[in-house]
Amino acid sequence: MNKKMTALQAFAPFDYRIEELDIPKVEAGEILLKVHGCGICASDTKTFHGGKRVWGQTPETRYIETPVTAGHEFYGEVVEKGEGVDDIEVGDFVISEQMVPCNECKYCKQGHYWMCRRHYILGFKKDAPGGFAEYCKIGRNGINHKLPKNFPVEMGSIIEPYACAMHAVERAAIKHTDVVVISGLGCIGLAMVTIAKKLSPARIIGLDIRQNRLDKAIEFGADYVFNPMECDVAAEIKKLSDGYGCDVYIEASGSEKSVAQGLDSIANLGTYVQFGIFADKISADWNIIGDTKEINILGSHLGPYCYKAVIEGMIDGTIKTNGIVTHTYKLKDWAEAFETAEKDPTSIKVTIVP
């Protein structure tokens, strides 16, 4: 094996570079993956542009450790394993969950590993490098899932966002009588549609400003779709729910307007799930939550305990993936790939293949 590899490393906002690095050495409990594909997450483009939640207001509040190899939506083939790795063999295809838990804090010990206090997410910490590279080492605390050897690149690179979508849908505790609204129909929002469809709610309503995504939502199981730029969404939702509003509103866009829209659209005693990430602090009429509607407000973070179900659903076709990966680029063309992910209205998921 060549002892060098290329990787996309983050140094500072707007300063990402293709670097030649040593291929990581594998120690006890670790595995080395030859990366087959890595999707570009919205958090990747936000980080490139200096997102405050990652770079912090001061060096003391900074989350990211630089330089670091970016990317967390990846999978690959095991080419080397360390002593003590008994459940994975060289030649296996593997995806590793984005959280690398410490296994020592109270959250990890309670089984809530995705809320690990240390909070190491692949692609942001030097001890948890990401998958925008030819090879990636997964540490001894990595949570790995084996895949069929012929698992397509376009599906392998979207397992992680689909797991996030499944967790958000599970948080909503959808019932078959519910009117469900999913706001924001990117990769994760569309995954929420196909996963929510499996629960047979009364209606699924999708919201987005891009027509191609609205069309895809109908294909994936939405009963109705609306463009918030073209209609009064809250009014349309109430028309479809006997005037009451939706029972579940899942916010997957990261838009401040979507929050106000959701609070306006949701019925009394409804459930609001926040998944989308905002660029900055936002404001909303908080009185609606308690004094007016007594709704449940829930957060959703990452995709714990969802990978196995997502993989099985992708394989048997009950979870739809067709057309989600719209663009594929080589690692050397990462800048064009990032620009496409951020600006091309036809893009849903952009994947980088080393």
Protein backbone atom coordinates (compact mmCIF):
# COMPACT_ATOMS: atom_id res chain seq x y z
CA MET A 1 0.00 0.00 0.00
CA ASN A 2 1.18 3.50 -0.83
CA LYS A 3 2.13 5.23 2.42
CA LYS A 4 0.65 8.58 1.36
CA MET A 5 -2.91 9.71 0.67
CA THR A 6 -4.74 12.85 -0.34
CA ALA A 7 -7.28 14.47 1.98
CA LEU A 8 -9.35 17.64 2.15
CA GLN A 9 -8.34 19.47 5.31
CA ALA A 10 -9.99 22.42 7.04
CA PHE A 11 -7.55 25.06 8.29
CA ALA A 12 -9.85 28.07 8.79
CA PRO A 13 -13.05 29.51 7.33
CA PHE A 14 -12.67 29.65 3.52
CA ASP A 15 -9.31 27.90 3.87
CA TYR A 16 -9.70 24.24 2.87
CA ARG A 17 -6.85 22.50 1.10
CA ILE A 18 -6.06 19.20 -0.58
CA GLU A 19 -3.08 17.87 1.37
CA GLU A 20 -0.84 14.85 1.04
CA LEU A 21 -0.82 13.02 4.37
CA ASP A 22 0.54 9.80 5.76
CA ILE A 23 -1.96 6.99 5.69
CA PRO A 24 -2.93 6.54 9.36
CA LYS A 25 -1.34 3.71 11.29
CA VAL A 26 -3.84 1.33 12.84
CA GLU A 27 -3.48 0.42 16.48
CA ALA A 28 -5.37 -2.00 18.74
CA GLY A 29 -9.15 -1.75 18.38
CA GLU A 30 -8.99 0.43 15.25
CA ILE A 31 -9.83 -0.10 11.59
CA LEU A 32 -8.66 1.59 8.40
CA LEU A 33 -11.19 2.26 5.65
CA LYS A 34 -10.57 2.90 1.99
CA VAL A 35 -13.27 5.52 1.46
CA HIS A 36 -15.72 4.79 -1.35
CA GLY A 37 -17.89 7.90 -1.04
CA CYS A 38 -18.58 10.84 1.27
CA GLY A 39 -21.62 13.11 1.05
CA ILE A 40 -21.50 16.87 1.57
CA CYS A 41 -23.67 17.84 4.53
CA ALA A 42 -25.14 21.32 4.98
CA SER A 43 -22.92 21.54 8.07
CA ASP A 44 -19.87 21.08 5.81
CA THR A 45 -20.74 24.12 3.69
CA LYS A 46 -21.69 26.15 6.79
CA THR A 47 -18.38 25.24 8.40
CA PHE A 48 -16.49 26.27 5.27
CA HIS A 49 -18.22 29.64 5.45
CA GLY A 50 -17.26 30.15 9.10
CA GLY A 51 -20.39 28.98 10.93
CA LYS A 52 -20.34 30.33 14.48
CA ARG A 53 -21.51 27.07 16.05
CA VAL A 54 -18.33 25.35 14.81
CA TRP A 55 -15.74 28.12 14.82
CA GLY A 56 -17.04 29.86 17.95
CA GLN A 57 -16.91 33.51 18.91
CA THR A 58 -13.46 33.08 20.48
CA PRO A 59 -10.70 30.42 20.33
CA GLU A 60 -11.98 29.12 23.68
CA THR A 61 -15.47 28.46 22.29
CA ARG A 62 -14.25 26.84 19.07
CA TYR A 63 -15.51 23.29 18.46
CA ILE A 64 -13.44 22.35 15.44
CA GLU A 65 -9.77 21.38 15.81
CA THR A 66 -7.64 22.38 12.84
CA PRO A 67 -6.16 21.26 10.61
CA VAL A 68 -8.59 18.35 10.35
CA THR A 69 -9.84 16.15 7.54
CA ALA A 70 -13.49 17.06 6.99
CA GLY A 71 -16.53 14.95 6.09
CA HIS A 72 -18.78 12.61 8.10
CA GLU A 73 -21.24 11.08 5.60
CA PHE A 74 -18.93 8.35 4.33
CA TYR A 75 -18.44 4.62 4.07
CA GLY A 76 -15.68 2.39 2.82
CA GLU A 77 -13.89 -0.94 2.67
CA VAL A 78 -11.82 -2.25 5.57
CA VAL A 79 -8.23 -2.61 4.39
CA GLU A 80 -6.56 -3.04 7.76
CA LYS A 81 -7.63 -3.78 11.32
CA GLY A 82 -5.92 -3.65 14.67
CA GLU A 83 -5.55 -6.27 17.34
CA GLY A 84 -8.76 -7.01 19.21
CA VAL A 85 -11.14 -6.21 16.34
CA ASP A 86 -13.08 -9.45 16.12
CA ASP A 87 -16.44 -8.49 14.58
CA ILE A 88 -15.04 -6.92 11.39
CA GLU A 89 -12.75 -8.44 8.77
CA VAL A 90 -10.52 -6.99 6.08
CA GLY A 91 -12.67 -6.72 2.97
CA ASP A 92 -15.86 -5.83 4.85
CA PHE A 93 -17.71 -2.71 3.80
CA VAL A 94 -18.47 -0.49 6.77
CA ILE A 95 -20.16 2.76 7.75
CA SER A 96 -19.23 4.35 11.05
CA GLU A 97 -21.66 6.54 12.96
CA GLN A 98 -20.69 10.20 13.05
CA MET A 99 -20.45 10.34 16.85
CA VAL A 100 -17.37 8.80 18.47
CA PRO A 101 -18.48 8.43 22.11
CA CYS A 102 -16.14 8.54 25.07
CA ASN A 103 -18.03 5.64 26.75
CA GLU A 104 -17.22 7.21 30.12
CA CYS A 105 -19.60 10.15 30.68
CA LYS A 106 -23.02 9.68 32.24
CA TYR A 107 -24.78 10.00 28.89
CA CYS A 108 -22.73 7.22 27.33
CA LYS A 109 -23.23 5.00 30.37
CA GLN A 110 -26.99 5.59 30.17
CA GLY A 111 -26.97 4.49 26.52
CA HIS A 112 -27.42 8.05 25.25
CA TYR A 113 -24.09 7.95 23.43
CA TRP A 114 -25.15 10.49 20.79
CA MET A 115 -25.26 13.11 23.54
CA CYS A 116 -21.73 12.25 24.75
CA ARG A 117 -20.36 15.15 26.77
CA ARG A 118 -17.04 15.06 24.90
CA HIS A 119 -19.03 15.16 21.65
CA TYR A 120 -16.49 14.07 19.05
CA ILE A 121 -18.09 14.05 15.60
CA LEU A 122 -16.11 12.68 12.68
CA GLY A 123 -14.58 15.39 10.54
CA PHE A 124 -14.27 18.00 13.28
CA LYS A 125 -11.69 16.63 15.73
CA LYS A 126 -8.08 15.60 15.14
CA ASP A 127 -8.75 12.32 16.95
CA ALA A 128 -11.83 11.75 14.76
CA PRO A 129 -10.80 12.61 11.18
CA GLY A 130 -13.41 12.56 8.44
CA GLY A 131 -14.00 10.93 5.10
CA PHE A 132 -13.05 13.54 2.50
CA ALA A 133 -9.93 11.47 1.97
CA GLU A 134 -8.67 8.32 0.31
CA TYR A 135 -8.43 6.56 3.68
CA CYS A 136 -9.92 7.12 7.11
CA LYS A 137 -9.03 5.54 10.45
CA ILE A 138 -11.90 4.73 12.82
CA GLY A 139 -10.85 4.73 16.46
CA ARG A 140 -11.58 2.02 19.02
CA ASN A 141 -14.76 3.76 20.20
CA GLY A 142 -16.21 4.08 16.71
CA ILE A 143 -19.66 2.55 16.18
CA ASN A 144 -19.45 0.54 12.97
CA HIS A 145 -22.07 -1.18 10.82
CA LYS A 146 -21.29 -3.71 8.10
CA LEU A 147 -22.81 -3.36 4.62
CA PRO A 148 -23.25 -5.73 1.69
CA LYS A 149 -20.18 -5.71 -0.54
CA ASN A 150 -22.18 -4.45 -3.53
CA PHE A 151 -23.78 -1.57 -1.62
CA PRO A 152 -23.96 1.35 -4.11
CA VAL A 153 -21.85 4.44 -3.47
CA GLU A 154 -24.89 6.70 -3.77
CA MET A 155 -26.66 4.77 -1.01
CA GLY A 156 -23.60 4.40 1.21
CA SER A 157 -23.06 8.15 1.32
CA ILE A 158 -26.64 8.86 2.47
CA ILE A 159 -27.00 6.31 5.27
CA GLU A 160 -25.91 8.87 7.87
CA PRO A 161 -28.42 11.60 6.87
CA TYR A 162 -31.17 9.00 6.58
CA ALA A 163 -30.39 7.80 10.10
CA CYS A 164 -30.72 11.40 11.30
CA ALA A 165 -34.07 11.59 9.54
CA MET A 166 -35.29 8.38 11.15
CA HIS A 167 -34.38 9.61 14.63
CA ALA A 168 -36.33 12.83 14.09
CA VAL A 169 -39.36 10.88 12.90
CA GLU A 170 -39.09 8.61 15.93
CA ARG A 171 -38.95 11.66 18.21
CA ALA A 172 -42.24 12.81 16.72
CA ALA A 173 -44.01 9.59 17.82
CA ILE A 174 -46.28 9.76 14.76
CA LYS A 175 -49.69 8.06 15.01
CA HIS A 176 -51.82 6.83 12.11
CA THR A 177 -54.37 9.61 12.78
CA ASP A 178 -51.79 12.40 12.56
CA VAL A 179 -51.44 15.13 9.98
CA VAL A 180 -47.67 15.43 9.59
CA VAL A 181 -45.80 18.39 8.11
CA ILE A 182 -42.13 18.19 7.09
CA SER A 183 -40.60 21.61 6.40
CA GLY A 184 -37.46 21.56 4.28
CA LEU A 185 -37.10 18.83 1.65
CA GLY A 186 -33.38 18.41 1.24
CA CYS A 187 -31.85 14.96 1.56
CA ILE A 188 -32.87 14.63 5.21
CA GLY A 189 -36.34 16.11 4.77
CA LEU A 190 -37.07 13.76 1.87
CA ALA A 191 -35.77 10.87 3.95
CA MET A 192 -38.21 11.94 6.68
CA VAL A 193 -41.04 11.73 4.14
CA THR A 194 -40.28 8.16 3.04
CA ILE A 195 -39.65 7.02 6.63
CA ALA A 196 -42.79 8.72 7.99
CA LYS A 197 -44.80 7.09 5.19
CA LYS A 198 -43.99 3.68 6.69
CA LEU A 199 -46.00 4.74 9.78
CA SER A 200 -49.18 5.38 7.71
CA PRO A 201 -50.20 8.77 9.13
CA ALA A 202 -53.43 10.36 7.92
CA ARG A 203 -51.56 12.88 5.75
CA ILE A 204 -48.01 13.92 5.00
CA ILE A 205 -47.45 17.49 3.83
CA GLY A 206 -44.08 18.62 2.49
CA LEU A 207 -42.82 22.20 2.34
CA ASP A 208 -39.99 23.62 0.26
CA ILE A 209 -39.28 26.46 -2.15
CA ARG A 210 -37.71 24.24 -4.86
CA GLN A 211 -40.07 22.51 -7.28
CA ASN A 212 -37.78 19.51 -7.90
CA ARG A 213 -37.82 18.75 -4.19
CA LEU A 214 -41.60 19.14 -3.96
CA ASP A 215 -41.94 16.69 -6.86
CA LYS A 216 -39.58 14.23 -5.18
CA ALA A 217 -41.58 14.46 -1.94
CA ILE A 218 -44.73 13.37 -3.78
CA GLU A 219 -42.76 10.48 -5.29
CA PHE A 220 -41.55 9.51 -1.82
CA GLY A 221 -45.02 9.48 -0.26
CA ALA A 222 -46.18 13.01 0.57
CA ASP A 223 -49.90 13.55 0.00
CA TYR A 224 -49.61 17.31 -0.48
CA VAL A 225 -46.74 19.76 -1.03
CA PHE A 226 -46.62 23.55 -0.81
CA ASN A 227 -44.14 26.29 -1.63
CA PRO A 228 -44.17 28.84 1.25
CA MET A 229 -43.24 31.55 -1.25
CA GLU A 230 -46.43 30.96 -3.21
CA CYS A 231 -49.16 30.44 -0.63
CA ASP A 232 -50.22 30.85 3.00
CA VAL A 233 -48.90 27.53 4.27
CA ALA A 234 -50.67 27.68 7.64
CA ALA A 235 -53.99 28.31 5.92
CA GLU A 236 -53.48 25.40 3.52
CA ILE A 237 -52.55 23.06 6.36
CA LYS A 238 -55.67 24.05 8.30
CA LYS A 239 -57.82 23.38 5.24
CA LEU A 240 -56.45 19.83 5.20
CA SER A 241 -57.08 19.25 8.92
CA ASP A 242 -60.66 20.43 9.50
CA GLY A 243 -59.31 23.79 10.60
CA TYR A 244 -57.27 22.41 13.50
CA GLY A 245 -53.75 22.46 12.08
CA CYS A 246 -51.15 19.70 11.90
CA ASP A 247 -50.50 17.25 14.72
CA VAL A 248 -46.77 17.01 13.98
CA TYR A 249 -44.46 19.64 12.50
CA ILE A 250 -40.86 18.61 11.80
CA GLU A 251 -38.56 21.54 11.05
CA ALA A 252 -35.75 20.40 8.75
CA SER A 253 -34.90 23.60 6.87
CA GLY A 254 -33.01 25.68 9.43
CA SER A 255 -35.05 28.72 8.42
CA GLU A 256 -36.29 31.19 11.03
CA LYS A 257 -39.47 31.74 8.99
CA SER A 258 -40.15 28.01 9.12
CA VAL A 259 -40.29 28.13 12.93
CA ALA A 260 -42.94 30.85 13.00
CA GLN A 261 -44.78 29.01 10.23
CA GLY A 262 -44.72 25.82 12.27
CA LEU A 263 -46.00 27.45 15.45
CA ASP A 264 -48.80 29.01 13.42
CA SER A 265 -49.64 25.75 11.62
CA ILE A 266 -49.60 23.33 14.52
CA ALA A 267 -52.75 22.24 16.34
CA ASN A 268 -53.35 22.49 20.07
CA LEU A 269 -51.46 19.72 21.90
CA GLY A 270 -49.38 19.07 18.80
CA THR A 271 -45.72 18.04 18.58
CA TYR A 272 -42.99 20.24 17.10
CA VAL A 273 -39.60 18.64 16.35
CA GLN A 274 -36.59 20.86 15.64
CA PHE A 275 -33.94 19.24 13.46
CA GLY A 276 -32.75 22.03 11.16
CA ILE A 277 -29.68 24.03 12.23
CA PHE A 278 -29.79 27.82 12.25
CA ALA A 279 -26.94 30.12 11.28
CA ASP A 280 -27.59 32.36 14.28
CA LYS A 281 -30.00 32.91 17.16
CA ILE A 282 -33.62 33.26 16.10
CA SER A 283 -36.78 34.69 17.65
CA ALA A 284 -40.30 33.27 17.90
CA ASP A 285 -43.52 33.87 19.80
CA TRP A 286 -42.78 31.53 22.70
CA ASN A 287 -46.23 32.15 24.24
CA ILE A 288 -47.78 29.92 21.58
CA ILE A 289 -45.99 26.93 23.08
CA GLY A 290 -47.53 27.17 26.55
CA ASP A 291 -50.19 29.77 27.07
CA THR A 292 -51.92 29.27 23.71
CA LYS A 293 -51.50 25.72 22.36
CA GLU A 294 -49.69 23.63 25.00
CA ILE A 295 -47.56 21.93 22.39
CA ASN A 296 -44.62 19.56 22.84
CA ILE A 297 -41.27 20.96 21.70
CA LEU A 298 -38.61 18.33 20.97
CA GLY A 299 -35.10 18.46 19.61
CA SER A 300 -33.47 15.86 17.39
CA HIS A 301 -29.73 15.25 17.11
CA LEU A 302 -27.89 12.70 14.94
CA GLY A 303 -29.20 9.19 14.21
CA PRO A 304 -28.75 6.91 17.24
CA TYR A 305 -29.89 3.30 16.98
CA CYS A 306 -31.22 3.94 13.47
CA TYR A 307 -28.45 2.73 11.16
CA LYS A 308 -29.44 -0.94 11.03
CA ALA A 309 -33.07 -0.14 10.21
CA VAL A 310 -32.05 2.40 7.57
CA ILE A 311 -29.65 -0.03 5.89
CA GLU A 312 -32.28 -2.78 5.83
CA GLY A 313 -34.92 -0.38 4.50
CA MET A 314 -32.63 0.79 1.72
CA ILE A 315 -31.84 -2.77 0.72
CA ASP A 316 -35.46 -3.99 0.63
CA GLY A 317 -36.73 -0.79 -0.98
CA THR A 318 -39.15 0.24 1.74
CA ILE A 319 -37.04 3.36 2.28
CA LYS A 320 -36.73 5.25 -0.99
CA THR A 321 -33.41 6.67 -2.15
CA ASN A 322 -33.75 6.99 -5.91
CA GLY A 323 -32.64 10.35 -7.23
CA ILE A 324 -31.35 11.67 -3.90
CA VAL A 325 -27.70 11.75 -4.99
CA THR A 326 -27.80 14.26 -7.82
CA HIS A 327 -24.10 15.03 -8.30
CA THR A 328 -20.82 13.15 -7.84
CA TYR A 329 -17.34 14.70 -7.88
CA LYS A 330 -13.76 13.60 -7.44
CA LEU A 331 -11.90 14.73 -4.34
CA LYS A 332 -9.70 17.08 -6.35
CA ASP A 333 -12.85 18.92 -7.48
CA TRP A 334 -14.09 19.54 -3.94
CA ALA A 335 -14.52 23.30 -4.42
CA GLU A 336 -16.89 22.80 -7.34
CA ALA A 337 -18.69 20.10 -5.34
CA PHE A 338 -19.19 22.43 -2.37
CA GLU A 339 -20.46 25.20 -4.65
CA THR A 340 -22.91 22.80 -6.30
CA ALA A 341 -24.19 21.60 -2.94
CA GLU A 342 -24.74 25.15 -1.80
CA LYS A 343 -25.98 26.96 -4.90
CA ASP A 344 -27.24 24.56 -7.59
CA PRO A 345 -31.05 24.48 -7.38
CA THR A 346 -31.11 20.99 -8.89
CA SER A 347 -28.88 19.47 -6.20
CA ILE A 348 -30.20 17.36 -3.34
CA LYS A 349 -27.16 15.38 -2.20
CA VAL A 350 -23.68 15.90 -3.61
CA THR A 351 -21.15 13.10 -3.07
CA ILE A 352 -17.37 13.17 -3.26
CA VAL A 353 -15.65 9.97 -4.41
CA PRO A 354 -11.89 9.91 -3.66
